[in-house]
Amino acid sequence: MKYFTLIIALLLFSCGKKKDVLLPKSNVTIVKDVQDHSPIYIFFKTEGKDTIAEVNRKNSIISTNWIFNIDKRLPLKLVIPEVMKLQEKKRGEKAHKNEKAENYYSYADSVGKNLAFLPFTKVYYKMEIANNRSQLYFKKNGMIIYSGRKTYDFPKQNLKPFLDSLVINPKAEIKFSYDKNMTYGNYIQCKILVKTIADKKIPFVFINEEQEFIF
């Protein structure tokens, strides 16, 4: 199935009006196919000088996998509160709950030319500063700040070599924080970077992917 053209856009027709979601892009596919899913859309909308995250989940079914199609232009400070509400609704469902149903962010693999998915079912978000000795803070400008016994800052493309060189207490963990003013598109690229690194099981480093802080 052809999911996108050169410029990535998901189209939703509602009440005779066309709305589009500009998806984030990456050069790697984490998950290629998701069966038995329901779409959730979060649109980029402006009213005067204000930017609004407009949610459409009318076609979502609790017992299915949820695919979040979110406009890459939206800032995290608008996106994550809406994601948290939807997560809480699904986690709190008792009557039709499906323990195997997952949540995924959608994005476009610009190399494979396919729609791809990033699972985040187990992630718990907090809109606050992380209270943790070791943490990585992804800034809006593409830099990362590491806070531990010492503080370092470096471009995100140097994350893997930095972690390779880091030696901390094996029982300690690194938590991840993100700039609330970062665009959702950049956030997805950061998460994919973290996912590809975490899967390689770097010695001496325990990466906590189940809790994220947005501030």
C-alpha atoms as a PDB file:
ATOM      1  CA  MET A   1       0.000   0.000   0.000  1.00  0.00           C
ATOM      2  CA  LYS A   2       1.277   3.487  -0.861  1.00  0.00           C
ATOM      3  CA  TYR A   3       1.206   5.506   2.343  1.00  0.00           C
ATOM      4  CA  PHE A   4       2.705   8.788   1.249  1.00  0.00           C
ATOM      5  CA  THR A   5       4.087  10.919  -1.550  1.00  0.00           C
ATOM      6  CA  LEU A   6       7.277  12.978  -1.450  1.00  0.00           C
ATOM      7  CA  ILE A   7       5.729  15.344   1.090  1.00  0.00           C
ATOM      8  CA  ILE A   8       4.283  13.274   3.910  1.00  0.00           C
ATOM      9  CA  ALA A   9       0.662  13.939   4.736  1.00  0.00           C
ATOM     10  CA  LEU A  10      -2.208  11.991   6.175  1.00  0.00           C
ATOM     11  CA  LEU A  11      -5.577  13.193   5.026  1.00  0.00           C
ATOM     12  CA  LEU A  12      -8.784  13.109   6.966  1.00  0.00           C
ATOM     13  CA  PHE A  13     -12.040  14.219   5.395  1.00  0.00           C
ATOM     14  CA  SER A  14     -14.585  15.503   7.874  1.00  0.00           C
ATOM     15  CA  CYS A  15     -17.745  17.466   7.158  1.00  0.00           C
ATOM     16  CA  GLY A  16     -16.537  18.092   3.623  1.00  0.00           C
ATOM     17  CA  LYS A  17     -13.254  19.647   4.775  1.00  0.00           C
ATOM     18  CA  LYS A  18      -9.798  18.247   4.210  1.00  0.00           C
ATOM     19  CA  LYS A  19      -7.337  18.229   7.105  1.00  0.00           C
ATOM     20  CA  ASP A  20      -3.789  17.032   6.903  1.00  0.00           C
ATOM     21  CA  VAL A  21      -1.231  15.759   9.379  1.00  0.00           C
ATOM     22  CA  LEU A  22       2.378  16.321   8.376  1.00  0.00           C
ATOM     23  CA  LEU A  23       4.216  13.310   9.733  1.00  0.00           C
ATOM     24  CA  PRO A  24       7.758  13.256  11.143  1.00  0.00           C
ATOM     25  CA  LYS A  25      10.442  11.596   9.034  1.00  0.00           C
ATOM     26  CA  SER A  26      13.285   9.247   9.846  1.00  0.00           C
ATOM     27  CA  ASN A  27      15.694   7.052   7.896  1.00  0.00           C
ATOM     28  CA  VAL A  28      14.960   3.875   9.862  1.00  0.00           C
ATOM     29  CA  THR A  29      11.904   1.715  10.516  1.00  0.00           C
ATOM     30  CA  ILE A  30      11.338   0.501  14.086  1.00  0.00           C
ATOM     31  CA  VAL A  31       8.044  -1.329  13.399  1.00  0.00           C
ATOM     32  CA  LYS A  32       6.831  -1.757   9.823  1.00  0.00           C
ATOM     33  CA  ASP A  33       3.338  -3.147  10.209  1.00  0.00           C
ATOM     34  CA  VAL A  34       0.592  -2.927  12.820  1.00  0.00           C
ATOM     35  CA  GLN A  35      -2.555  -5.027  12.512  1.00  0.00           C
ATOM     36  CA  ASP A  36      -5.959  -4.441  14.137  1.00  0.00           C
ATOM     37  CA  HIS A  37      -5.475  -0.746  14.749  1.00  0.00           C
ATOM     38  CA  SER A  38      -7.462   2.431  15.242  1.00  0.00           C
ATOM     39  CA  PRO A  39      -6.274   5.883  14.141  1.00  0.00           C
ATOM     40  CA  ILE A  40      -5.978   8.906  16.395  1.00  0.00           C
ATOM     41  CA  TYR A  41      -5.193  12.273  14.819  1.00  0.00           C
ATOM     42  CA  ILE A  42      -3.734  15.354  16.444  1.00  0.00           C
ATOM     43  CA  PHE A  43      -3.894  18.250  14.004  1.00  0.00           C
ATOM     44  CA  PHE A  44      -1.925  21.475  13.855  1.00  0.00           C
ATOM     45  CA  LYS A  45      -4.394  24.351  14.091  1.00  0.00           C
ATOM     46  CA  THR A  46      -4.026  28.090  14.523  1.00  0.00           C
ATOM     47  CA  GLU A  47      -6.490  30.579  15.959  1.00  0.00           C
ATOM     48  CA  GLY A  48      -5.115  34.082  15.658  1.00  0.00           C
ATOM     49  CA  LYS A  49      -1.616  33.955  17.133  1.00  0.00           C
ATOM     50  CA  ASP A  50      -2.305  30.765  19.092  1.00  0.00           C
ATOM     51  CA  THR A  51      -1.300  27.251  18.057  1.00  0.00           C
ATOM     52  CA  ILE A  52      -3.737  24.496  19.026  1.00  0.00           C
ATOM     53  CA  ALA A  53      -3.446  20.707  19.096  1.00  0.00           C
ATOM     54  CA  GLU A  54      -6.797  19.493  17.766  1.00  0.00           C
ATOM     55  CA  VAL A  55      -7.559  15.866  18.661  1.00  0.00           C
ATOM     56  CA  ASN A  56      -9.769  13.539  16.644  1.00  0.00           C
ATOM     57  CA  ARG A  57     -10.199  10.043  18.143  1.00  0.00           C
ATOM     58  CA  LYS A  58     -13.770   9.323  17.117  1.00  0.00           C
ATOM     59  CA  ASN A  59     -12.720   6.197  15.208  1.00  0.00           C
ATOM     60  CA  SER A  60     -10.603   4.736  18.016  1.00  0.00           C
ATOM     61  CA  ILE A  61     -11.598   1.420  19.597  1.00  0.00           C
ATOM     62  CA  ILE A  62     -10.248   0.641  23.075  1.00  0.00           C
ATOM     63  CA  SER A  63      -9.486  -3.029  22.350  1.00  0.00           C
ATOM     64  CA  THR A  64      -7.315  -2.282  19.289  1.00  0.00           C
ATOM     65  CA  ASN A  65      -3.786  -1.005  18.800  1.00  0.00           C
ATOM     66  CA  TRP A  66      -3.846   2.795  18.703  1.00  0.00           C
ATOM     67  CA  ILE A  67      -1.822   4.631  16.089  1.00  0.00           C
ATOM     68  CA  PHE A  68      -1.169   8.278  16.937  1.00  0.00           C
ATOM     69  CA  ASN A  69      -0.834  10.380  13.785  1.00  0.00           C
ATOM     70  CA  ILE A  70       0.486  13.691  15.079  1.00  0.00           C
ATOM     71  CA  ASP A  71       1.514  16.779  13.135  1.00  0.00           C
ATOM     72  CA  LYS A  72       5.268  17.262  13.339  1.00  0.00           C
ATOM     73  CA  ARG A  73       4.939  21.058  13.663  1.00  0.00           C
ATOM     74  CA  LEU A  74       3.243  20.946  17.066  1.00  0.00           C
ATOM     75  CA  PRO A  75       5.333  21.675  20.186  1.00  0.00           C
ATOM     76  CA  LEU A  76       5.597  18.972  22.855  1.00  0.00           C
ATOM     77  CA  LYS A  77       3.954  21.222  25.442  1.00  0.00           C
ATOM     78  CA  LEU A  78       0.712  20.896  23.448  1.00  0.00           C
ATOM     79  CA  VAL A  79       1.084  17.306  22.242  1.00  0.00           C
ATOM     80  CA  ILE A  80       2.076  15.403  25.378  1.00  0.00           C
ATOM     81  CA  PRO A  81      -0.827  16.536  27.631  1.00  0.00           C
ATOM     82  CA  GLU A  82      -3.246  15.243  24.975  1.00  0.00           C
ATOM     83  CA  VAL A  83      -1.319  11.973  24.659  1.00  0.00           C
ATOM     84  CA  MET A  84      -1.395  11.582  28.456  1.00  0.00           C
ATOM     85  CA  LYS A  85      -5.189  11.987  28.543  1.00  0.00           C
ATOM     86  CA  LEU A  86      -5.626   9.316  25.880  1.00  0.00           C
ATOM     87  CA  GLN A  87      -3.174   6.963  27.605  1.00  0.00           C
ATOM     88  CA  GLU A  88      -5.042   7.332  30.896  1.00  0.00           C
ATOM     89  CA  LYS A  89      -8.352   6.620  29.206  1.00  0.00           C
ATOM     90  CA  LYS A  90      -7.041   3.412  27.635  1.00  0.00           C
ATOM     91  CA  ARG A  91      -5.233   2.261  30.783  1.00  0.00           C
ATOM     92  CA  GLY A  92      -8.312   2.896  32.894  1.00  0.00           C
ATOM     93  CA  GLU A  93     -10.682   0.948  30.661  1.00  0.00           C
ATOM     94  CA  LYS A  94     -11.960  -2.227  32.329  1.00  0.00           C
ATOM     95  CA  ALA A  95     -14.862  -3.554  30.264  1.00  0.00           C
ATOM     96  CA  HIS A  96     -13.172  -3.798  26.852  1.00  0.00           C
ATOM     97  CA  LYS A  97      -9.508  -3.796  27.825  1.00  0.00           C
ATOM     98  CA  ASN A  98      -7.090  -5.802  25.684  1.00  0.00           C
ATOM     99  CA  GLU A  99      -3.767  -6.405  27.455  1.00  0.00           C
ATOM    100  CA  LYS A 100      -2.051  -7.032  24.121  1.00  0.00           C
ATOM    101  CA  ALA A 101      -3.142  -3.752  22.546  1.00  0.00           C
ATOM    102  CA  GLU A 102      -0.290  -1.299  22.065  1.00  0.00           C
ATOM    103  CA  ASN A 103       0.119   2.412  21.364  1.00  0.00           C
ATOM    104  CA  TYR A 104       2.290   3.596  18.471  1.00  0.00           C
ATOM    105  CA  TYR A 105       3.460   6.890  17.049  1.00  0.00           C
ATOM    106  CA  SER A 106       3.441   6.929  13.249  1.00  0.00           C
ATOM    107  CA  TYR A 107       6.161   8.470  11.109  1.00  0.00           C
ATOM    108  CA  ALA A 108       7.548   8.145   7.595  1.00  0.00           C
ATOM    109  CA  ASP A 109      10.671   6.170   6.753  1.00  0.00           C
ATOM    110  CA  SER A 110      12.150   8.370   4.040  1.00  0.00           C
ATOM    111  CA  VAL A 111      14.588   5.653   2.945  1.00  0.00           C
ATOM    112  CA  GLY A 112      12.292   2.624   2.928  1.00  0.00           C
ATOM    113  CA  LYS A 113       9.439   4.758   1.567  1.00  0.00           C
ATOM    114  CA  ASN A 114       6.948   3.280   4.020  1.00  0.00           C
ATOM    115  CA  LEU A 115       4.874   4.303   6.986  1.00  0.00           C
ATOM    116  CA  ALA A 116       6.605   3.206  10.182  1.00  0.00           C
ATOM    117  CA  PHE A 117       5.629   2.967  13.831  1.00  0.00           C
ATOM    118  CA  LEU A 118       7.276   3.605  17.187  1.00  0.00           C
ATOM    119  CA  PRO A 119       5.771   1.809  20.235  1.00  0.00           C
ATOM    120  CA  PHE A 120       5.322   3.838  23.426  1.00  0.00           C
ATOM    121  CA  THR A 121       2.708   1.855  25.376  1.00  0.00           C
ATOM    122  CA  LYS A 122       4.811   1.591  28.529  1.00  0.00           C
ATOM    123  CA  VAL A 123       5.934   5.221  28.606  1.00  0.00           C
ATOM    124  CA  TYR A 124       4.652   7.349  31.479  1.00  0.00           C
ATOM    125  CA  TYR A 125       5.016  11.071  30.880  1.00  0.00           C
ATOM    126  CA  LYS A 126       5.531  13.774  33.480  1.00  0.00           C
ATOM    127  CA  MET A 127       5.321  17.486  32.714  1.00  0.00           C
ATOM    128  CA  GLU A 128       8.032  18.379  35.211  1.00  0.00           C
ATOM    129  CA  ILE A 129      11.783  18.402  35.827  1.00  0.00           C
ATOM    130  CA  ALA A 130      13.232  14.952  36.392  1.00  0.00           C
ATOM    131  CA  ASN A 131      14.430  14.295  39.930  1.00  0.00           C
ATOM    132  CA  ASN A 132      17.181  11.869  39.020  1.00  0.00           C
ATOM    133  CA  ARG A 133      20.933  11.901  39.477  1.00  0.00           C
ATOM    134  CA  SER A 134      21.709  10.877  35.899  1.00  0.00           C
ATOM    135  CA  GLN A 135      19.647  12.309  33.079  1.00  0.00           C
ATOM    136  CA  LEU A 136      19.846  13.395  29.474  1.00  0.00           C
ATOM    137  CA  TYR A 137      17.961  16.513  28.422  1.00  0.00           C
ATOM    138  CA  PHE A 138      17.235  16.930  24.714  1.00  0.00           C
ATOM    139  CA  LYS A 139      17.081  20.618  23.879  1.00  0.00           C
ATOM    140  CA  LYS A 140      15.101  22.305  21.144  1.00  0.00           C
ATOM    141  CA  ASN A 141      18.295  23.376  19.339  1.00  0.00           C
ATOM    142  CA  GLY A 142      19.532  19.794  18.802  1.00  0.00           C
ATOM    143  CA  MET A 143      21.948  19.749  21.720  1.00  0.00           C
ATOM    144  CA  ILE A 144      21.861  17.312  24.661  1.00  0.00           C
ATOM    145  CA  ILE A 145      22.769  18.130  28.261  1.00  0.00           C
ATOM    146  CA  TYR A 146      23.919  15.257  30.463  1.00  0.00           C
ATOM    147  CA  SER A 147      23.618  15.798  34.202  1.00  0.00           C
ATOM    148  CA  GLY A 148      25.432  13.421  36.541  1.00  0.00           C
ATOM    149  CA  ARG A 149      28.566  13.752  38.620  1.00  0.00           C
ATOM    150  CA  LYS A 150      29.599  16.216  35.942  1.00  0.00           C
ATOM    151  CA  THR A 151      27.623  18.108  33.331  1.00  0.00           C
ATOM    152  CA  TYR A 152      28.279  17.782  29.614  1.00  0.00           C
ATOM    153  CA  ASP A 153      26.606  19.154  26.532  1.00  0.00           C
ATOM    154  CA  PHE A 154      26.986  17.785  23.015  1.00  0.00           C
ATOM    155  CA  PRO A 155      25.064  17.469  19.719  1.00  0.00           C
ATOM    156  CA  LYS A 156      22.557  14.617  19.604  1.00  0.00           C
ATOM    157  CA  GLN A 157      24.479  12.797  16.856  1.00  0.00           C
ATOM    158  CA  ASN A 158      27.206  12.214  19.461  1.00  0.00           C
ATOM    159  CA  LEU A 159      24.877  10.440  21.902  1.00  0.00           C
ATOM    160  CA  LYS A 160      26.111   6.909  21.125  1.00  0.00           C
ATOM    161  CA  PRO A 161      29.843   7.677  21.546  1.00  0.00           C
ATOM    162  CA  PHE A 162      29.092   9.642  24.705  1.00  0.00           C
ATOM    163  CA  LEU A 163      27.207   6.722  26.262  1.00  0.00           C
ATOM    164  CA  ASP A 164      29.947   4.337  25.139  1.00  0.00           C
ATOM    165  CA  SER A 165      32.430   6.411  27.126  1.00  0.00           C
ATOM    166  CA  LEU A 166      30.215   6.792  30.198  1.00  0.00           C
ATOM    167  CA  VAL A 167      30.817   4.596  33.225  1.00  0.00           C
ATOM    168  CA  ILE A 168      28.313   4.842  36.068  1.00  0.00           C
ATOM    169  CA  ASN A 169      27.045   2.600  38.833  1.00  0.00           C
ATOM    170  CA  PRO A 170      25.479  -0.405  37.027  1.00  0.00           C
ATOM    171  CA  LYS A 171      22.458  -0.124  39.343  1.00  0.00           C
ATOM    172  CA  ALA A 172      21.927   3.502  38.381  1.00  0.00           C
ATOM    173  CA  GLU A 173      19.735   4.525  35.494  1.00  0.00           C
ATOM    174  CA  ILE A 174      19.598   7.310  32.984  1.00  0.00           C
ATOM    175  CA  LYS A 175      16.286   9.055  32.504  1.00  0.00           C
ATOM    176  CA  PHE A 176      15.333  11.158  29.522  1.00  0.00           C
ATOM    177  CA  SER A 177      13.923  14.661  29.453  1.00  0.00           C
ATOM    178  CA  TYR A 178      12.802  16.757  26.510  1.00  0.00           C
ATOM    179  CA  ASP A 179      12.410  20.466  25.897  1.00  0.00           C
ATOM    180  CA  LYS A 180       8.705  21.305  26.013  1.00  0.00           C
ATOM    181  CA  ASN A 181       9.220  23.764  23.140  1.00  0.00           C
ATOM    182  CA  MET A 182      10.735  21.108  20.881  1.00  0.00           C
ATOM    183  CA  THR A 183       8.601  20.181  17.884  1.00  0.00           C
ATOM    184  CA  TYR A 184       6.961  16.783  17.887  1.00  0.00           C
ATOM    185  CA  GLY A 185       8.864  15.959  14.688  1.00  0.00           C
ATOM    186  CA  ASN A 186      12.223  16.483  16.403  1.00  0.00           C
ATOM    187  CA  TYR A 187      10.995  14.547  19.440  1.00  0.00           C
ATOM    188  CA  ILE A 188      10.251  11.470  17.322  1.00  0.00           C
ATOM    189  CA  GLN A 189      13.711  11.648  15.763  1.00  0.00           C
ATOM    190  CA  CYS A 190      15.231  11.804  19.265  1.00  0.00           C
ATOM    191  CA  LYS A 191      13.143   8.840  20.444  1.00  0.00           C
ATOM    192  CA  ILE A 192      14.160   6.755  17.444  1.00  0.00           C
ATOM    193  CA  LEU A 193      17.805   7.594  18.168  1.00  0.00           C
ATOM    194  CA  VAL A 194      17.376   6.506  21.809  1.00  0.00           C
ATOM    195  CA  LYS A 195      15.548   3.337  20.754  1.00  0.00           C
ATOM    196  CA  THR A 196      18.269   2.247  18.333  1.00  0.00           C
ATOM    197  CA  ILE A 197      20.942   2.867  20.975  1.00  0.00           C
ATOM    198  CA  ALA A 198      19.031   1.233  23.844  1.00  0.00           C
ATOM    199  CA  ASP A 199      18.498  -1.932  21.808  1.00  0.00           C
ATOM    200  CA  LYS A 200      22.284  -2.360  21.588  1.00  0.00           C
ATOM    201  CA  LYS A 201      22.552  -2.721  25.394  1.00  0.00           C
ATOM    202  CA  ILE A 202      25.462  -0.417  26.119  1.00  0.00           C
ATOM    203  CA  PRO A 203      27.695  -1.761  28.936  1.00  0.00           C
ATOM    204  CA  PHE A 204      27.502   0.053  32.302  1.00  0.00           C
ATOM    205  CA  VAL A 205      24.450   2.070  31.237  1.00  0.00           C
ATOM    206  CA  PHE A 206      20.847   1.294  32.158  1.00  0.00           C
ATOM    207  CA  ILE A 207      18.501   3.352  30.011  1.00  0.00           C
ATOM    208  CA  ASN A 208      15.041   3.925  31.456  1.00  0.00           C
ATOM    209  CA  GLU A 209      12.653   4.215  28.501  1.00  0.00           C
ATOM    210  CA  GLU A 210       9.471   3.899  30.541  1.00  0.00           C
ATOM    211  CA  GLN A 211       9.481   7.384  32.039  1.00  0.00           C
ATOM    212  CA  GLU A 212       9.939  10.660  30.220  1.00  0.00           C
ATOM    213  CA  PHE A 213       9.952  14.236  31.498  1.00  0.00           C
ATOM    214  CA  ILE A 214       8.813  17.217  29.485  1.00  0.00           C
ATOM    215  CA  PHE A 215       9.733  20.698  30.728  1.00  0.00           C
END
